[in-house]
Amino acid sequence: MKLEQKYFYPFVGGITVFLLFVIAVYTFDYSEKQQEAFVTLVNTSGVLDTLHISTFDGSQFQLSDSLRKPVTVLVFWAGWSEKSIAFLKTVAASNPDPEHVEIIGLLVKDQPEEVRSVLQEIPGITWAVGTQLYGTLLVPGVPSAIAWRGPDHPVAVVAGNYPERIQRLFFAEQE
């Protein structure tokens, strides 16, 4: 079977449109599955119960110690991501009571020295290294956040740039 030349370009165009559609569908499906895996690992892995976090100054603390505050928020972020930095600024600015709300910024795939200017711009956050936890929990991207009300299981897992979800769920009730 031979394709006539006048049908070749419409045929190639049709195949291209079909392949782009398939790629788009599978990309959205993959993204949803990645977010589901993240939420499942956060809620079932037990990794967060015994997690030791290294701060930028070299000290360590156990996450369970921070969970004694009424609200704790872990934010995975990257210095190269403007969305991450904006997310951190929004969450930090929404914190009406630092005595009762702990925000931990977990830097992913960067070195603390590379992001010093960001650290100075956003006060009220405990800065720590989060690359290993990022990989363990299969975090779907930056920014992403996990939030608790007290020491129980997380009450919100936010994958993506949705700081208003953190604001609405946690900070509004603290005022």
Protein backbone atom coordinates (compact mmCIF):
# COMPACT_ATOMS: atom_id res chain seq x y z
CA MET A 1 0.00 0.00 0.00
CA LYS A 2 1.41 3.30 -1.06
CA LEU A 3 0.34 6.66 0.35
CA GLU A 4 -0.21 9.27 -2.31
CA GLN A 5 1.87 12.40 -1.89
CA LYS A 6 -1.17 14.70 -1.53
CA TYR A 7 -2.28 12.69 1.56
CA PHE A 8 1.15 12.49 3.19
CA TYR A 9 1.07 15.84 5.09
CA PRO A 10 -2.50 15.43 6.38
CA PHE A 11 -1.57 11.89 7.49
CA VAL A 12 1.56 13.07 9.33
CA GLY A 13 -0.41 15.98 10.85
CA GLY A 14 -3.12 13.60 12.11
CA ILE A 15 -0.55 11.26 13.64
CA THR A 16 1.19 14.24 15.32
CA VAL A 17 -2.05 15.52 16.85
CA PHE A 18 -2.91 12.02 18.08
CA LEU A 19 0.53 11.54 19.67
CA LEU A 20 0.39 14.94 21.38
CA PHE A 21 -3.01 14.01 22.81
CA VAL A 22 -1.67 10.69 24.14
CA ILE A 23 1.36 12.42 25.70
CA ALA A 24 -0.85 15.02 27.39
CA VAL A 25 -3.22 12.39 28.83
CA TYR A 26 -0.38 10.25 30.20
CA THR A 27 1.40 13.28 31.64
CA PHE A 28 -1.66 14.28 33.66
CA ASP A 29 -2.19 10.68 34.73
CA TYR A 30 1.45 10.38 35.84
CA SER A 31 1.23 13.62 37.79
CA GLU A 32 -1.89 12.45 39.64
CA LYS A 33 -0.28 9.10 40.47
CA GLN A 34 2.86 10.85 41.71
CA GLN A 35 0.80 13.05 44.04
CA GLU A 36 -1.16 10.04 45.30
CA ALA A 37 2.11 8.19 46.03
CA PHE A 38 3.40 11.22 47.97
CA VAL A 39 0.25 11.45 50.11
CA THR A 40 0.31 7.69 50.76
CA LEU A 41 3.98 7.68 51.79
CA VAL A 42 3.49 10.66 54.09
CA ASN A 43 0.58 8.96 55.83
CA THR A 44 1.89 5.39 55.98
CA SER A 45 5.68 5.23 55.78
CA GLY A 46 6.50 6.13 59.40
CA VAL A 47 9.60 7.96 58.15
CA LEU A 48 8.37 11.25 59.60
CA ASP A 49 7.97 9.78 63.08
CA THR A 50 11.69 9.20 63.53
CA LEU A 51 13.06 11.83 61.18
CA HIS A 52 16.14 13.80 62.23
CA ILE A 53 16.45 17.06 60.35
CA SER A 54 19.76 18.87 59.81
CA THR A 55 19.55 22.64 59.98
CA PHE A 56 21.79 24.96 58.00
CA ASP A 57 23.93 25.69 61.04
CA GLY A 58 24.76 21.98 61.42
CA SER A 59 22.53 21.17 64.39
CA GLN A 60 19.90 18.44 64.27
CA PHE A 61 16.45 18.03 65.72
CA GLN A 62 13.79 15.36 65.57
CA LEU A 63 10.64 16.28 63.70
CA SER A 64 8.47 14.80 66.45
CA ASP A 65 9.81 17.54 68.79
CA SER A 66 8.43 20.22 66.45
CA LEU A 67 5.08 18.49 66.31
CA ARG A 68 4.44 19.48 69.90
CA LYS A 69 3.49 22.95 68.66
CA PRO A 70 -0.17 23.37 67.71
CA VAL A 71 0.72 23.74 64.01
CA THR A 72 3.78 22.52 62.10
CA VAL A 73 4.33 22.99 58.37
CA LEU A 74 7.13 21.38 56.34
CA VAL A 75 7.74 23.15 53.04
CA PHE A 76 9.92 21.54 50.35
CA TRP A 77 11.47 24.29 48.25
CA ALA A 78 14.34 25.03 45.87
CA GLY A 79 16.37 28.23 45.51
CA TRP A 80 16.04 28.21 41.72
CA SER A 81 12.23 28.02 41.86
CA GLU A 82 10.50 31.40 42.02
CA LYS A 83 7.23 29.59 42.84
CA SER A 84 8.91 27.97 45.86
CA ILE A 85 10.21 31.28 47.15
CA ALA A 86 6.82 32.96 46.65
CA PHE A 87 5.14 30.02 48.43
CA LEU A 88 7.51 30.38 51.41
CA LYS A 89 6.95 34.13 51.58
CA THR A 90 3.17 33.68 51.56
CA VAL A 91 3.22 30.97 54.23
CA ALA A 92 5.64 32.95 56.45
CA ALA A 93 3.63 36.17 56.06
CA SER A 94 0.45 34.26 57.00
CA ASN A 95 1.87 33.10 60.32
CA PRO A 96 0.15 35.21 62.99
CA ASP A 97 1.79 33.45 65.93
CA PRO A 98 5.34 32.06 65.54
CA GLU A 99 5.21 30.80 69.14
CA HIS A 100 2.50 28.32 68.16
CA VAL A 101 3.26 27.69 64.49
CA GLU A 102 6.51 26.07 63.36
CA ILE A 103 7.42 26.48 59.67
CA ILE A 104 10.34 24.35 58.50
CA GLY A 105 11.75 25.17 55.07
CA LEU A 106 13.40 22.05 53.61
CA LEU A 107 15.85 23.02 50.87
CA VAL A 108 15.96 20.52 48.02
CA LYS A 109 18.86 20.03 45.59
CA ASP A 110 20.70 23.24 46.52
CA GLN A 111 23.39 24.17 48.99
CA PRO A 112 22.60 26.58 51.84
CA GLU A 113 25.38 28.90 50.70
CA GLU A 114 23.62 29.37 47.36
CA VAL A 115 20.41 30.67 48.92
CA ARG A 116 21.59 32.96 51.73
CA SER A 117 19.80 35.99 50.26
CA VAL A 118 16.47 34.12 50.31
CA LEU A 119 17.00 33.11 53.93
CA GLN A 120 17.47 36.74 54.94
CA GLU A 121 14.36 37.84 53.02
CA ILE A 122 12.00 35.44 54.80
CA PRO A 123 12.14 35.52 58.61
CA GLY A 124 10.32 33.15 60.94
CA ILE A 125 11.30 29.89 59.25
CA THR A 126 13.57 27.12 60.52
CA TRP A 127 15.86 26.38 57.57
CA ALA A 128 16.95 22.79 57.01
CA VAL A 129 18.24 20.38 54.37
CA GLY A 130 15.52 18.26 52.77
CA THR A 131 16.98 16.50 49.74
CA GLN A 132 17.06 13.02 51.31
CA LEU A 133 13.49 13.26 52.65
CA TYR A 134 12.37 14.67 49.29
CA GLY A 135 13.59 11.48 47.62
CA THR A 136 12.30 9.13 50.31
CA LEU A 137 8.77 10.52 50.19
CA LEU A 138 8.70 10.83 46.38
CA VAL A 139 7.69 14.47 46.66
CA PRO A 140 6.13 15.36 43.30
CA GLY A 141 7.87 18.73 42.98
CA VAL A 142 8.56 22.04 44.61
CA PRO A 143 6.91 23.72 46.28
CA SER A 144 5.11 21.04 48.27
CA ALA A 145 4.08 21.06 51.92
CA ILE A 146 2.99 18.77 54.74
CA ALA A 147 1.10 20.26 57.66
CA TRP A 148 0.05 19.00 61.09
CA ARG A 149 -2.23 20.18 63.87
CA GLY A 150 -0.51 18.64 66.86
CA PRO A 151 1.42 15.34 66.92
CA ASP A 152 -1.09 13.23 65.01
CA HIS A 153 -0.84 12.26 61.38
CA PRO A 154 -0.58 15.07 58.84
CA VAL A 155 -3.87 16.80 58.21
CA ALA A 156 -2.88 18.29 54.86
CA VAL A 157 -0.45 17.37 52.14
CA VAL A 158 -0.16 20.09 49.51
CA ALA A 159 1.63 19.24 46.29
CA GLY A 160 2.16 22.25 44.08
CA ASN A 161 1.98 25.99 44.42
CA TYR A 162 -1.13 26.38 46.60
CA PRO A 163 -0.13 28.50 49.63
CA GLU A 164 -3.74 29.58 50.13
CA ARG A 165 -4.57 26.00 51.18
CA ILE A 166 -2.05 26.23 54.00
CA GLN A 167 -3.33 29.69 54.94
CA ARG A 168 -6.96 28.59 54.98
CA LEU A 169 -6.43 25.31 56.82
CA PHE A 170 -4.05 26.43 59.52
CA PHE A 171 -3.29 30.07 60.04
CA ALA A 172 -6.78 31.52 59.90
CA GLU A 173 -7.81 29.45 62.93
CA GLN A 174 -4.85 30.69 65.00
CA GLU A 175 -5.95 34.34 65.03
